[in-house]
Protein backbone atom coordinates (compact mmCIF):
# COMPACT_ATOMS: atom_id res chain seq x y z
CA MET A 1 -23.08 27.14 -88.93
CA PHE A 2 -21.42 27.58 -91.78
CA ILE A 3 -18.92 30.22 -90.72
CA PHE A 4 -17.10 27.93 -88.05
CA ARG A 5 -16.52 24.80 -91.22
CA SER A 6 -13.17 25.95 -92.02
CA MET A 7 -12.21 26.98 -87.84
CA ASP A 8 -10.14 24.93 -85.38
CA GLU A 9 -12.55 23.60 -83.14
CA VAL A 10 -11.58 24.91 -80.07
CA LEU A 11 -11.51 28.20 -81.54
CA ALA A 12 -15.27 27.65 -82.76
CA LYS A 13 -16.00 26.49 -79.41
CA LYS A 14 -15.00 29.78 -77.92
CA LEU A 15 -16.36 31.44 -80.60
CA ARG A 16 -20.27 29.74 -79.45
CA ILE A 17 -19.55 30.23 -75.81
CA LEU A 18 -17.68 33.93 -75.86
CA ALA A 19 -20.70 35.61 -79.00
CA ASP A 20 -23.76 33.67 -76.86
CA ALA A 21 -22.19 35.79 -73.78
CA ALA A 22 -22.32 38.63 -75.44
CA LYS A 23 -26.09 38.75 -76.20
CA TYR A 24 -26.89 40.65 -72.74
CA ASP A 25 -24.70 44.16 -73.80
CA ALA A 26 -27.68 45.96 -75.98
CA SER A 27 -25.37 49.28 -76.45
CA CYS A 28 -23.82 47.44 -79.64
CA SER A 29 -23.87 50.65 -81.85
CA SER A 30 -21.88 52.17 -84.43
CA SER A 31 -23.48 55.26 -84.35
CA GLY A 32 -21.60 58.51 -85.03
CA ALA A 33 -18.74 56.76 -86.33
CA PRO A 34 -16.94 59.07 -88.92
CA LYS A 35 -16.51 57.40 -92.66
CA ARG A 36 -13.14 55.99 -92.85
CA ALA A 37 -11.76 53.80 -95.31
CA ALA A 38 -7.96 51.61 -95.46
CA GLY A 39 -5.47 52.64 -96.80
CA LYS A 40 -3.79 50.61 -100.17
CA ASP A 41 -2.38 48.14 -98.38
CA GLY A 42 -4.60 48.33 -95.21
CA LEU A 43 -7.95 46.55 -94.33
CA GLY A 44 -11.72 47.61 -93.92
CA SER A 45 -13.70 50.93 -93.61
CA THR A 46 -16.81 52.30 -92.45
CA THR A 47 -18.40 53.16 -94.49
CA GLY A 48 -20.32 50.04 -96.34
CA SER A 49 -23.49 48.11 -96.77
CA GLY A 50 -23.51 45.48 -93.18
CA ILE A 51 -24.95 42.26 -92.86
CA CYS A 52 -26.03 43.56 -89.28
CA HIS A 53 -27.87 45.29 -86.84
CA ALA A 54 -25.24 48.07 -85.77
CA TYR A 55 -26.98 51.23 -87.57
CA THR A 56 -25.13 54.50 -88.58
CA PRO A 57 -27.19 58.30 -88.05
CA ASP A 58 -27.07 58.09 -91.84
CA GLY A 59 -29.37 54.66 -91.84
CA ARG A 60 -26.38 52.92 -93.13
CA CYS A 61 -26.03 49.43 -91.47
CA ILE A 62 -22.95 47.90 -89.65
CA SER A 63 -22.49 44.51 -89.34
CA LEU A 64 -20.14 43.92 -86.06
CA LEU A 65 -18.40 41.33 -84.65
CA LYS A 66 -19.61 41.04 -81.14
CA ILE A 67 -18.02 38.98 -78.73
CA LEU A 68 -16.17 38.73 -75.00
CA LEU A 69 -12.57 38.48 -74.61
CA THR A 70 -13.45 35.57 -71.60
CA ASN A 71 -16.77 35.27 -69.76
CA TRP A 72 -14.50 34.68 -66.51
CA CYS A 73 -15.15 37.19 -63.83
CA LEU A 74 -14.28 38.61 -60.42
CA PHE A 75 -17.45 40.17 -59.90
CA ASP A 76 -20.32 38.29 -58.86
CA CYS A 77 -22.95 40.69 -59.56
CA ALA A 78 -26.32 39.02 -59.12
CA TYR A 79 -27.87 40.17 -62.50
CA CYS A 80 -25.54 38.56 -64.77
CA ILE A 81 -25.05 35.14 -66.37
CA ASN A 82 -21.35 35.72 -66.72
CA ARG A 83 -20.81 35.99 -62.05
CA ARG A 84 -17.75 34.36 -60.36
CA SER A 85 -20.58 32.41 -59.59
CA SER A 86 -22.55 31.34 -62.20
CA ASN A 87 -22.34 27.48 -63.61
CA VAL A 88 -21.67 28.54 -67.02
CA ALA A 89 -19.51 27.04 -69.69
CA ARG A 90 -16.17 29.26 -69.70
CA ALA A 91 -13.75 30.46 -72.47
CA LYS A 92 -10.83 33.02 -73.04
CA PHE A 93 -9.61 34.24 -76.62
CA THR A 94 -5.89 34.99 -76.56
CA VAL A 95 -5.28 38.31 -77.69
CA GLU A 96 -4.04 37.19 -81.17
CA GLU A 97 -7.51 35.06 -81.82
CA VAL A 98 -9.86 37.91 -81.56
CA VAL A 99 -7.46 39.84 -84.21
CA ALA A 100 -7.31 36.85 -86.31
CA LEU A 101 -11.27 36.64 -85.83
CA THR A 102 -11.74 39.94 -87.02
CA LEU A 103 -9.33 39.54 -89.92
CA ASN A 104 -10.85 36.48 -91.41
CA PHE A 105 -14.14 37.41 -90.59
CA TYR A 106 -14.16 40.88 -92.71
CA LYS A 107 -12.42 39.52 -95.52
CA ARG A 108 -15.37 36.95 -95.79
CA ASN A 109 -17.25 39.83 -95.73
CA TYR A 110 -19.32 38.34 -92.71
CA ILE A 111 -18.66 42.09 -90.16
CA GLU A 112 -17.05 45.66 -90.77
CA GLY A 113 -15.95 46.46 -87.07
CA LEU A 114 -15.89 44.72 -83.71
CA PHE A 115 -17.53 45.42 -80.90
CA LEU A 116 -15.48 44.03 -77.65
CA SER A 117 -16.54 43.62 -74.23
CA SER A 118 -15.09 41.57 -71.72
CA GLY A 119 -15.36 39.85 -67.62
CA ILE A 120 -12.98 41.08 -65.59
CA ILE A 121 -10.47 38.74 -64.93
CA LYS A 122 -6.76 39.24 -63.12
CA SER A 123 -7.45 42.80 -62.52
CA PRO A 124 -8.50 45.53 -64.21
CA ASP A 125 -5.83 47.09 -65.29
CA HIS A 126 -5.19 43.67 -66.91
CA THR A 127 -8.34 43.35 -68.67
CA MET A 128 -8.49 47.10 -69.68
CA GLU A 129 -4.33 46.26 -71.37
CA LEU A 130 -5.98 42.92 -73.55
CA LEU A 131 -8.86 45.22 -75.23
CA THR A 132 -6.51 47.55 -75.82
CA ARG A 133 -4.07 45.24 -77.33
CA VAL A 134 -6.65 44.00 -79.72
CA ALA A 135 -7.74 47.42 -80.96
CA LYS A 136 -4.24 48.61 -81.30
CA SER A 137 -3.41 45.39 -82.93
CA LEU A 138 -5.93 45.84 -85.82
CA ARG A 139 -4.79 49.55 -86.37
CA ARG A 140 -1.04 49.57 -85.89
CA ASP A 141 -0.41 45.76 -87.51
CA HIS A 142 -2.79 45.31 -89.75
CA GLY A 143 -4.16 48.48 -91.29
CA PHE A 144 -7.86 47.73 -90.04
CA ALA A 145 -9.55 51.05 -90.78
CA GLY A 146 -13.35 49.82 -89.54
CA TYR A 147 -15.26 50.39 -87.23
CA ILE A 148 -14.11 48.76 -82.84
CA HIS A 149 -16.02 49.69 -79.79
CA LEU A 150 -14.30 48.91 -76.57
CA LYS A 151 -15.75 48.28 -72.94
CA SER A 152 -13.78 50.77 -70.76
CA ILE A 153 -13.34 49.28 -67.35
CA PRO A 154 -14.62 51.86 -64.61
CA GLU A 155 -11.58 50.63 -61.98
CA ALA A 156 -8.64 50.83 -65.21
CA SER A 157 -5.63 53.22 -64.94
CA PRO A 158 -6.71 56.31 -67.10
CA TRP A 159 -3.57 55.82 -68.59
CA LEU A 160 -4.95 53.11 -70.12
CA VAL A 161 -8.37 54.50 -71.03
CA GLU A 162 -6.43 56.96 -73.13
CA GLU A 163 -4.59 54.62 -75.69
CA ALA A 164 -7.35 52.66 -75.79
CA GLY A 165 -9.47 56.06 -76.96
CA LEU A 166 -6.95 56.36 -79.16
CA TYR A 167 -7.75 53.26 -81.55
CA ALA A 168 -11.26 52.86 -80.75
CA ASP A 169 -13.95 54.30 -82.48
CA ARG A 170 -16.43 54.43 -78.77
CA LEU A 171 -15.90 53.55 -75.55
CA SER A 172 -19.10 52.63 -73.43
CA ILE A 173 -18.84 52.48 -69.72
CA ASN A 174 -21.56 50.56 -68.34
CA VAL A 175 -23.61 52.49 -65.54
CA GLU A 176 -25.53 48.89 -65.02
CA LEU A 177 -28.08 49.82 -62.48
CA PRO A 178 -30.31 53.00 -62.15
CA THR A 179 -29.37 54.23 -58.30
CA GLU A 180 -26.43 53.38 -55.53
CA ALA A 181 -28.75 51.22 -53.54
CA SER A 182 -29.71 48.71 -56.54
CA LEU A 183 -25.95 48.75 -57.05
CA GLU A 184 -25.58 47.59 -53.20
CA ARG A 185 -27.38 45.07 -53.23
CA LEU A 186 -27.10 43.08 -56.35
CA ALA A 187 -23.32 44.25 -57.72
CA PRO A 188 -22.02 45.31 -53.74
CA GLU A 189 -18.05 44.54 -55.72
CA LYS A 190 -19.53 47.38 -57.74
CA ASP A 191 -18.77 51.29 -56.83
CA GLY A 192 -21.18 53.52 -58.70
CA ALA A 193 -19.64 56.70 -57.91
CA ALA A 194 -16.18 55.43 -59.65
CA ILE A 195 -18.27 54.13 -62.51
CA GLN A 196 -19.90 57.79 -63.15
CA GLY A 197 -16.03 59.44 -62.46
CA ALA A 198 -14.42 56.94 -64.65
CA MET A 199 -17.66 58.10 -67.67
CA ALA A 200 -16.67 61.74 -66.69
CA GLN A 201 -13.26 61.28 -67.13
CA ILE A 202 -13.96 59.73 -70.79
CA GLY A 203 -16.09 62.49 -71.60
CA GLU A 204 -13.85 65.41 -70.10
CA ARG A 205 -10.91 63.45 -72.49
CA ILE A 206 -13.30 63.57 -75.80
CA VAL A 207 -13.84 66.55 -75.63
CA GLN A 208 -10.15 68.24 -75.05
CA ALA A 209 -9.48 65.32 -77.85
CA LYS A 210 -11.77 67.56 -80.17
CA ALA A 211 -10.51 71.08 -79.45
CA GLU A 212 -6.85 69.90 -79.55
CA ARG A 213 -8.26 68.06 -82.71
CA ARG A 214 -6.33 64.75 -82.00
CA ARG A 215 -8.17 61.53 -82.29
CA PHE A 216 -9.83 59.84 -79.18
CA ALA A 217 -12.95 57.74 -79.49
CA PRO A 218 -14.39 60.06 -82.27
CA ALA A 219 -17.85 58.41 -82.32
CA GLY A 220 -18.21 59.06 -78.05
CA HIS A 221 -19.23 57.15 -75.13
CA SER A 222 -22.33 55.00 -74.37
CA THR A 223 -23.09 53.26 -71.56
CA GLN A 224 -26.26 50.64 -71.31
CA VAL A 225 -28.84 50.42 -67.96
CA ILE A 226 -30.78 47.20 -66.92
CA VAL A 227 -34.52 47.64 -66.80
CA GLY A 228 -36.45 45.64 -64.82
CA ALA A 229 -34.31 44.11 -62.58
CA ASP A 230 -35.46 46.25 -59.34
CA ASP A 231 -37.94 48.29 -58.49
CA THR A 232 -36.47 51.09 -59.67
CA THR A 233 -39.56 53.83 -61.65
CA ASP A 234 -39.40 54.79 -65.43
CA ALA A 235 -39.18 58.74 -64.25
CA ALA A 236 -36.41 57.72 -61.75
CA LEU A 237 -34.35 55.75 -65.02
CA ILE A 238 -35.26 58.85 -67.28
CA THR A 239 -33.96 61.32 -65.01
CA LYS A 240 -30.44 59.24 -64.50
CA SER A 241 -30.37 59.45 -67.86
CA GLU A 242 -30.61 63.36 -68.24
CA VAL A 243 -28.11 63.65 -65.61
CA LEU A 244 -25.76 61.59 -67.61
CA TYR A 245 -25.88 63.51 -71.02
CA GLY A 246 -25.71 66.51 -69.07
CA SER A 247 -22.99 65.85 -66.80
CA VAL A 248 -20.54 63.42 -68.53
CA GLY A 249 -21.37 63.84 -72.15
CA LEU A 250 -22.97 60.73 -73.05
CA LYS A 251 -23.92 59.83 -77.04
CA ARG A 252 -26.25 57.34 -75.70
CA VAL A 253 -28.45 55.57 -72.87
CA TYR A 254 -29.32 51.92 -73.61
CA TYR A 255 -32.05 50.59 -71.80
CA SER A 256 -31.87 46.45 -71.09
CA ALA A 257 -34.86 44.61 -69.76
CA PHE A 258 -34.06 42.36 -67.25
CA SER A 259 -34.10 38.85 -69.00
CA PRO A 260 -34.21 36.10 -65.92
CA ILE A 261 -30.61 33.87 -66.26
CA PRO A 262 -29.95 30.05 -65.51
CA ASP A 263 -29.77 29.51 -61.67
CA GLY A 264 -30.59 33.30 -60.71
CA SER A 265 -30.59 34.94 -57.19
CA ARG A 266 -33.65 34.65 -54.98
CA ILE A 267 -33.46 38.69 -54.99
CA LEU A 268 -33.96 38.71 -58.58
CA PRO A 269 -37.25 39.32 -60.08
CA LEU A 270 -38.80 35.89 -61.51
CA LYS A 271 -39.74 37.20 -65.08
CA ALA A 272 -38.80 39.46 -67.62
CA PRO A 273 -40.05 43.28 -67.58
CA PRO A 274 -42.80 43.63 -70.56
CA LEU A 275 -40.33 44.55 -73.85
CA ALA A 276 -42.66 47.53 -74.44
CA ARG A 277 -40.93 48.94 -71.28
CA GLU A 278 -38.00 48.57 -73.05
CA HIS A 279 -39.44 50.61 -75.75
CA ARG A 280 -41.43 53.12 -74.17
CA LEU A 281 -38.14 54.43 -72.01
CA TYR A 282 -36.09 54.29 -75.28
CA GLN A 283 -39.08 56.73 -77.07
CA ALA A 284 -38.48 58.92 -73.69
CA ASP A 285 -35.23 59.06 -74.36
CA TRP A 286 -35.13 60.47 -77.99
CA LEU A 287 -37.81 62.84 -76.60
CA LEU A 288 -34.55 64.07 -74.02
CA ARG A 289 -31.97 64.06 -76.58
CA TYR A 290 -34.22 65.19 -80.47
CA TYR A 291 -37.30 67.15 -79.15
CA SER A 292 -36.55 69.68 -75.76
CA PHE A 293 -38.51 67.73 -73.53
CA SER A 294 -37.09 67.51 -70.12
CA ALA A 295 -37.35 64.26 -67.88
CA GLU A 296 -39.21 66.25 -65.62
CA GLU A 297 -41.57 66.71 -68.61
CA VAL A 298 -41.32 63.11 -69.06
CA ALA A 299 -42.11 61.60 -66.05
CA SER A 300 -45.09 64.23 -65.44
CA ALA A 301 -46.98 61.61 -68.39
CA SER A 302 -46.37 59.07 -65.68
CA GLU A 303 -48.97 56.85 -63.84
CA ASP A 304 -47.00 56.14 -60.10
CA GLY A 305 -43.55 56.96 -62.15
CA MET A 306 -44.26 54.51 -65.09
CA LEU A 307 -44.56 55.33 -68.75
CA ALA A 308 -48.03 53.77 -70.35
CA LEU A 309 -47.26 50.53 -72.45
CA ASP A 310 -50.29 52.02 -74.48
CA ILE A 311 -49.23 54.75 -76.03
CA ASP A 312 -45.65 56.76 -76.50
CA PRO A 313 -44.34 58.86 -74.31
CA LYS A 314 -44.73 62.18 -76.54
CA LEU A 315 -48.43 61.64 -77.07
CA ALA A 316 -49.40 60.43 -72.77
CA TRP A 317 -47.83 64.56 -72.55
CA ALA A 318 -49.76 65.53 -75.09
CA LEU A 319 -52.88 64.23 -73.71
CA LYS A 320 -51.67 65.41 -70.09
CA ASN A 321 -51.20 68.91 -71.50
CA ARG A 322 -54.16 69.51 -73.68
CA GLU A 323 -55.24 72.73 -72.87
CA ARG A 324 -51.88 73.57 -74.67
CA PHE A 325 -53.18 72.40 -77.70
CA PRO A 326 -54.44 72.73 -80.12
CA VAL A 327 -51.63 74.62 -82.00
CA ASP A 328 -50.82 76.53 -85.03
CA VAL A 329 -49.03 75.32 -87.77
CA ASN A 330 -48.17 78.95 -89.56
CA LYS A 331 -47.45 80.82 -86.48
CA ALA A 332 -45.98 77.88 -83.50
CA ASP A 333 -42.37 78.23 -82.47
CA ARG A 334 -40.26 74.89 -83.52
CA GLU A 335 -40.27 73.86 -80.36
CA MET A 336 -44.00 73.82 -79.91
CA LEU A 337 -44.51 72.13 -83.23
CA LEU A 338 -41.97 69.19 -81.76
CA ARG A 339 -44.37 68.70 -78.82
CA VAL A 340 -47.30 67.51 -81.90
CA PRO A 341 -48.33 64.23 -81.60
CA GLY A 342 -47.32 62.69 -85.40
CA LEU A 343 -44.73 65.25 -86.24
CA GLY A 344 -40.92 64.10 -86.32
CA ALA A 345 -38.28 66.51 -86.26
CA ARG A 346 -37.40 66.85 -90.12
CA ALA A 347 -41.44 67.15 -90.99
CA VAL A 348 -40.93 69.95 -88.21
CA ASP A 349 -38.27 71.49 -90.13
CA LYS A 350 -39.82 70.92 -93.33
CA ILE A 351 -43.63 72.88 -92.35
CA VAL A 352 -41.10 75.29 -90.35
CA LYS A 353 -39.02 76.31 -94.01
CA ALA A 354 -42.05 75.53 -96.41
CA ARG A 355 -44.68 78.13 -94.13
CA ARG A 356 -41.96 81.00 -94.96
CA HIS A 357 -42.97 80.99 -98.22
CA MET A 358 -47.03 80.14 -97.86
CA THR A 359 -49.83 79.68 -95.83
CA LEU A 360 -50.01 76.05 -94.94
CA ARG A 361 -53.35 74.41 -95.44
CA LEU A 362 -54.10 70.62 -93.96
CA ASP A 363 -52.88 69.28 -97.57
CA ASP A 364 -49.93 70.79 -97.45
CA VAL A 365 -48.84 69.50 -94.20
CA ALA A 366 -50.14 65.91 -95.39
CA ARG A 367 -47.96 66.40 -97.78
CA LEU A 368 -44.61 66.80 -95.42
CA THR A 369 -46.06 63.90 -92.55
CA SER A 370 -46.71 60.43 -92.97
CA SER A 371 -48.47 60.79 -89.54
CA LEU A 372 -51.52 63.64 -90.10
CA LYS A 373 -53.97 61.23 -88.14
CA ARG A 374 -52.50 61.73 -85.52
CA ALA A 375 -51.06 64.78 -86.03
CA ARG A 376 -55.02 66.36 -86.75
CA PRO A 377 -56.01 66.69 -83.13
CA PHE A 378 -53.64 69.13 -81.60
CA LEU A 379 -52.75 71.61 -84.69
CA VAL A 380 -54.73 74.07 -86.81
CA ALA A 381 -54.04 74.97 -90.52
CA ALA A 382 -55.28 77.85 -92.57
CA ASP A 383 -58.30 76.02 -93.52
CA TYR A 384 -58.40 73.54 -90.82
CA ARG A 385 -59.76 73.87 -86.88
CA PRO A 386 -60.23 70.61 -84.58
CA VAL A 387 -63.15 70.30 -82.41
CA ALA A 388 -61.76 71.13 -79.01
CA LEU A 389 -59.95 68.34 -77.09
CA THR A 390 -61.32 68.83 -74.15
CA ASP A 391 -64.52 67.48 -75.37
CA ARG A 392 -62.94 64.56 -76.46
CA LEU A 393 -62.80 61.59 -73.80
CA ASP A 394 -61.60 59.19 -76.36
CA LEU A 395 -59.02 60.67 -77.93
CA ARG A 396 -56.59 58.53 -76.37
CA GLN A 397 -58.87 55.06 -77.52
CA ARG A 398 -58.96 56.54 -81.19
CA LEU A 399 -55.35 57.52 -81.66
CA VAL A 400 -54.22 53.80 -80.19
CA GLU A 401 -54.62 51.54 -83.06
CA PRO A 402 -55.94 48.13 -81.99
CA ALA A 403 -53.14 46.00 -84.03
CA GLN A 404 -50.52 48.37 -81.61
CA GLN A 405 -52.70 47.47 -78.68
CA LEU A 406 -52.61 43.95 -78.90
CA SER A 407 -48.42 43.72 -80.08
CA LEU A 408 -47.28 45.77 -77.32
CA PHE A 409 -49.43 42.60 -74.92
């Protein structure tokens, strides 16, 4: 690629190896980062238009350099391409090389921030110190005001994590697998209790920093869980996420479909789960965070603990609870309107606001949402009432577009 032409050959080789090694981490997001621009003699911002694939809540695209500090690792997790016993090309950046790459890529308008993770080398503390030195150098030595996301090492000393939070916008620790049994089988050198304890400590520091009006990981913290490497059901995954959101104050849980790796362990699946499963888990997670659903409610609409692949979880719940529909757009409370398939949070807020001044007809609802077709069987308007849902046994088939069915499989 053209970005390597003016680069030292050794450094370019490291970049190819360590950028490729980082692709398995899905929790690369700038969501929640505060808008910030460098001063007169500084560099970078979090406010420009990006060229990559991380998005902020207001829709801005933030381009991030996504790399590992090194793919050498002391651990031998069965599902990891960078595990100790893996036969892959290895490389390691110095702190100065990562700083130089970040600054040079920014100056060329390739990126607006850095996502930096690492394998564990020498010790968790040593690795965490190197990651923190990168962020510290960018901020203090070069005035870099762009976005920085650092992976935190669960076993690292709390004071090192505290220092990392002073310079990073977001910290994250991957739980990797949803159950202690799965960790023991696939990653016996990792301690699930220690991982969750470290996440809780970060969550407490974020809350404390906000109360004291000081800086500590202002974009919050996140985690990633691997989907399909074990036999954990979707219901169990969503329940685990609900627990993490409530107990450690996570900003986001990322779901990463297991990808078979070269020379993988015999205890791993031979093929990846359908990507539609990952997509449905993200939709279910959205229901937890923004639509007042509980994990138990989402799970109740699943079959044997697995979310349907042909319809989204919200529609699945509505079809399982037909006795609660249709709802009147002019009378129903906001929480119930949020459960109508086809009505998003913004559309519901518009409906609630509009009905204060007028009685809504079906055409009025159509102007407030782009998904009236999906919503019609579940709502009542001043001039509209659907045929009883219990008489529409083909409702599920009618609401799933044929093209959507094909794309999922």
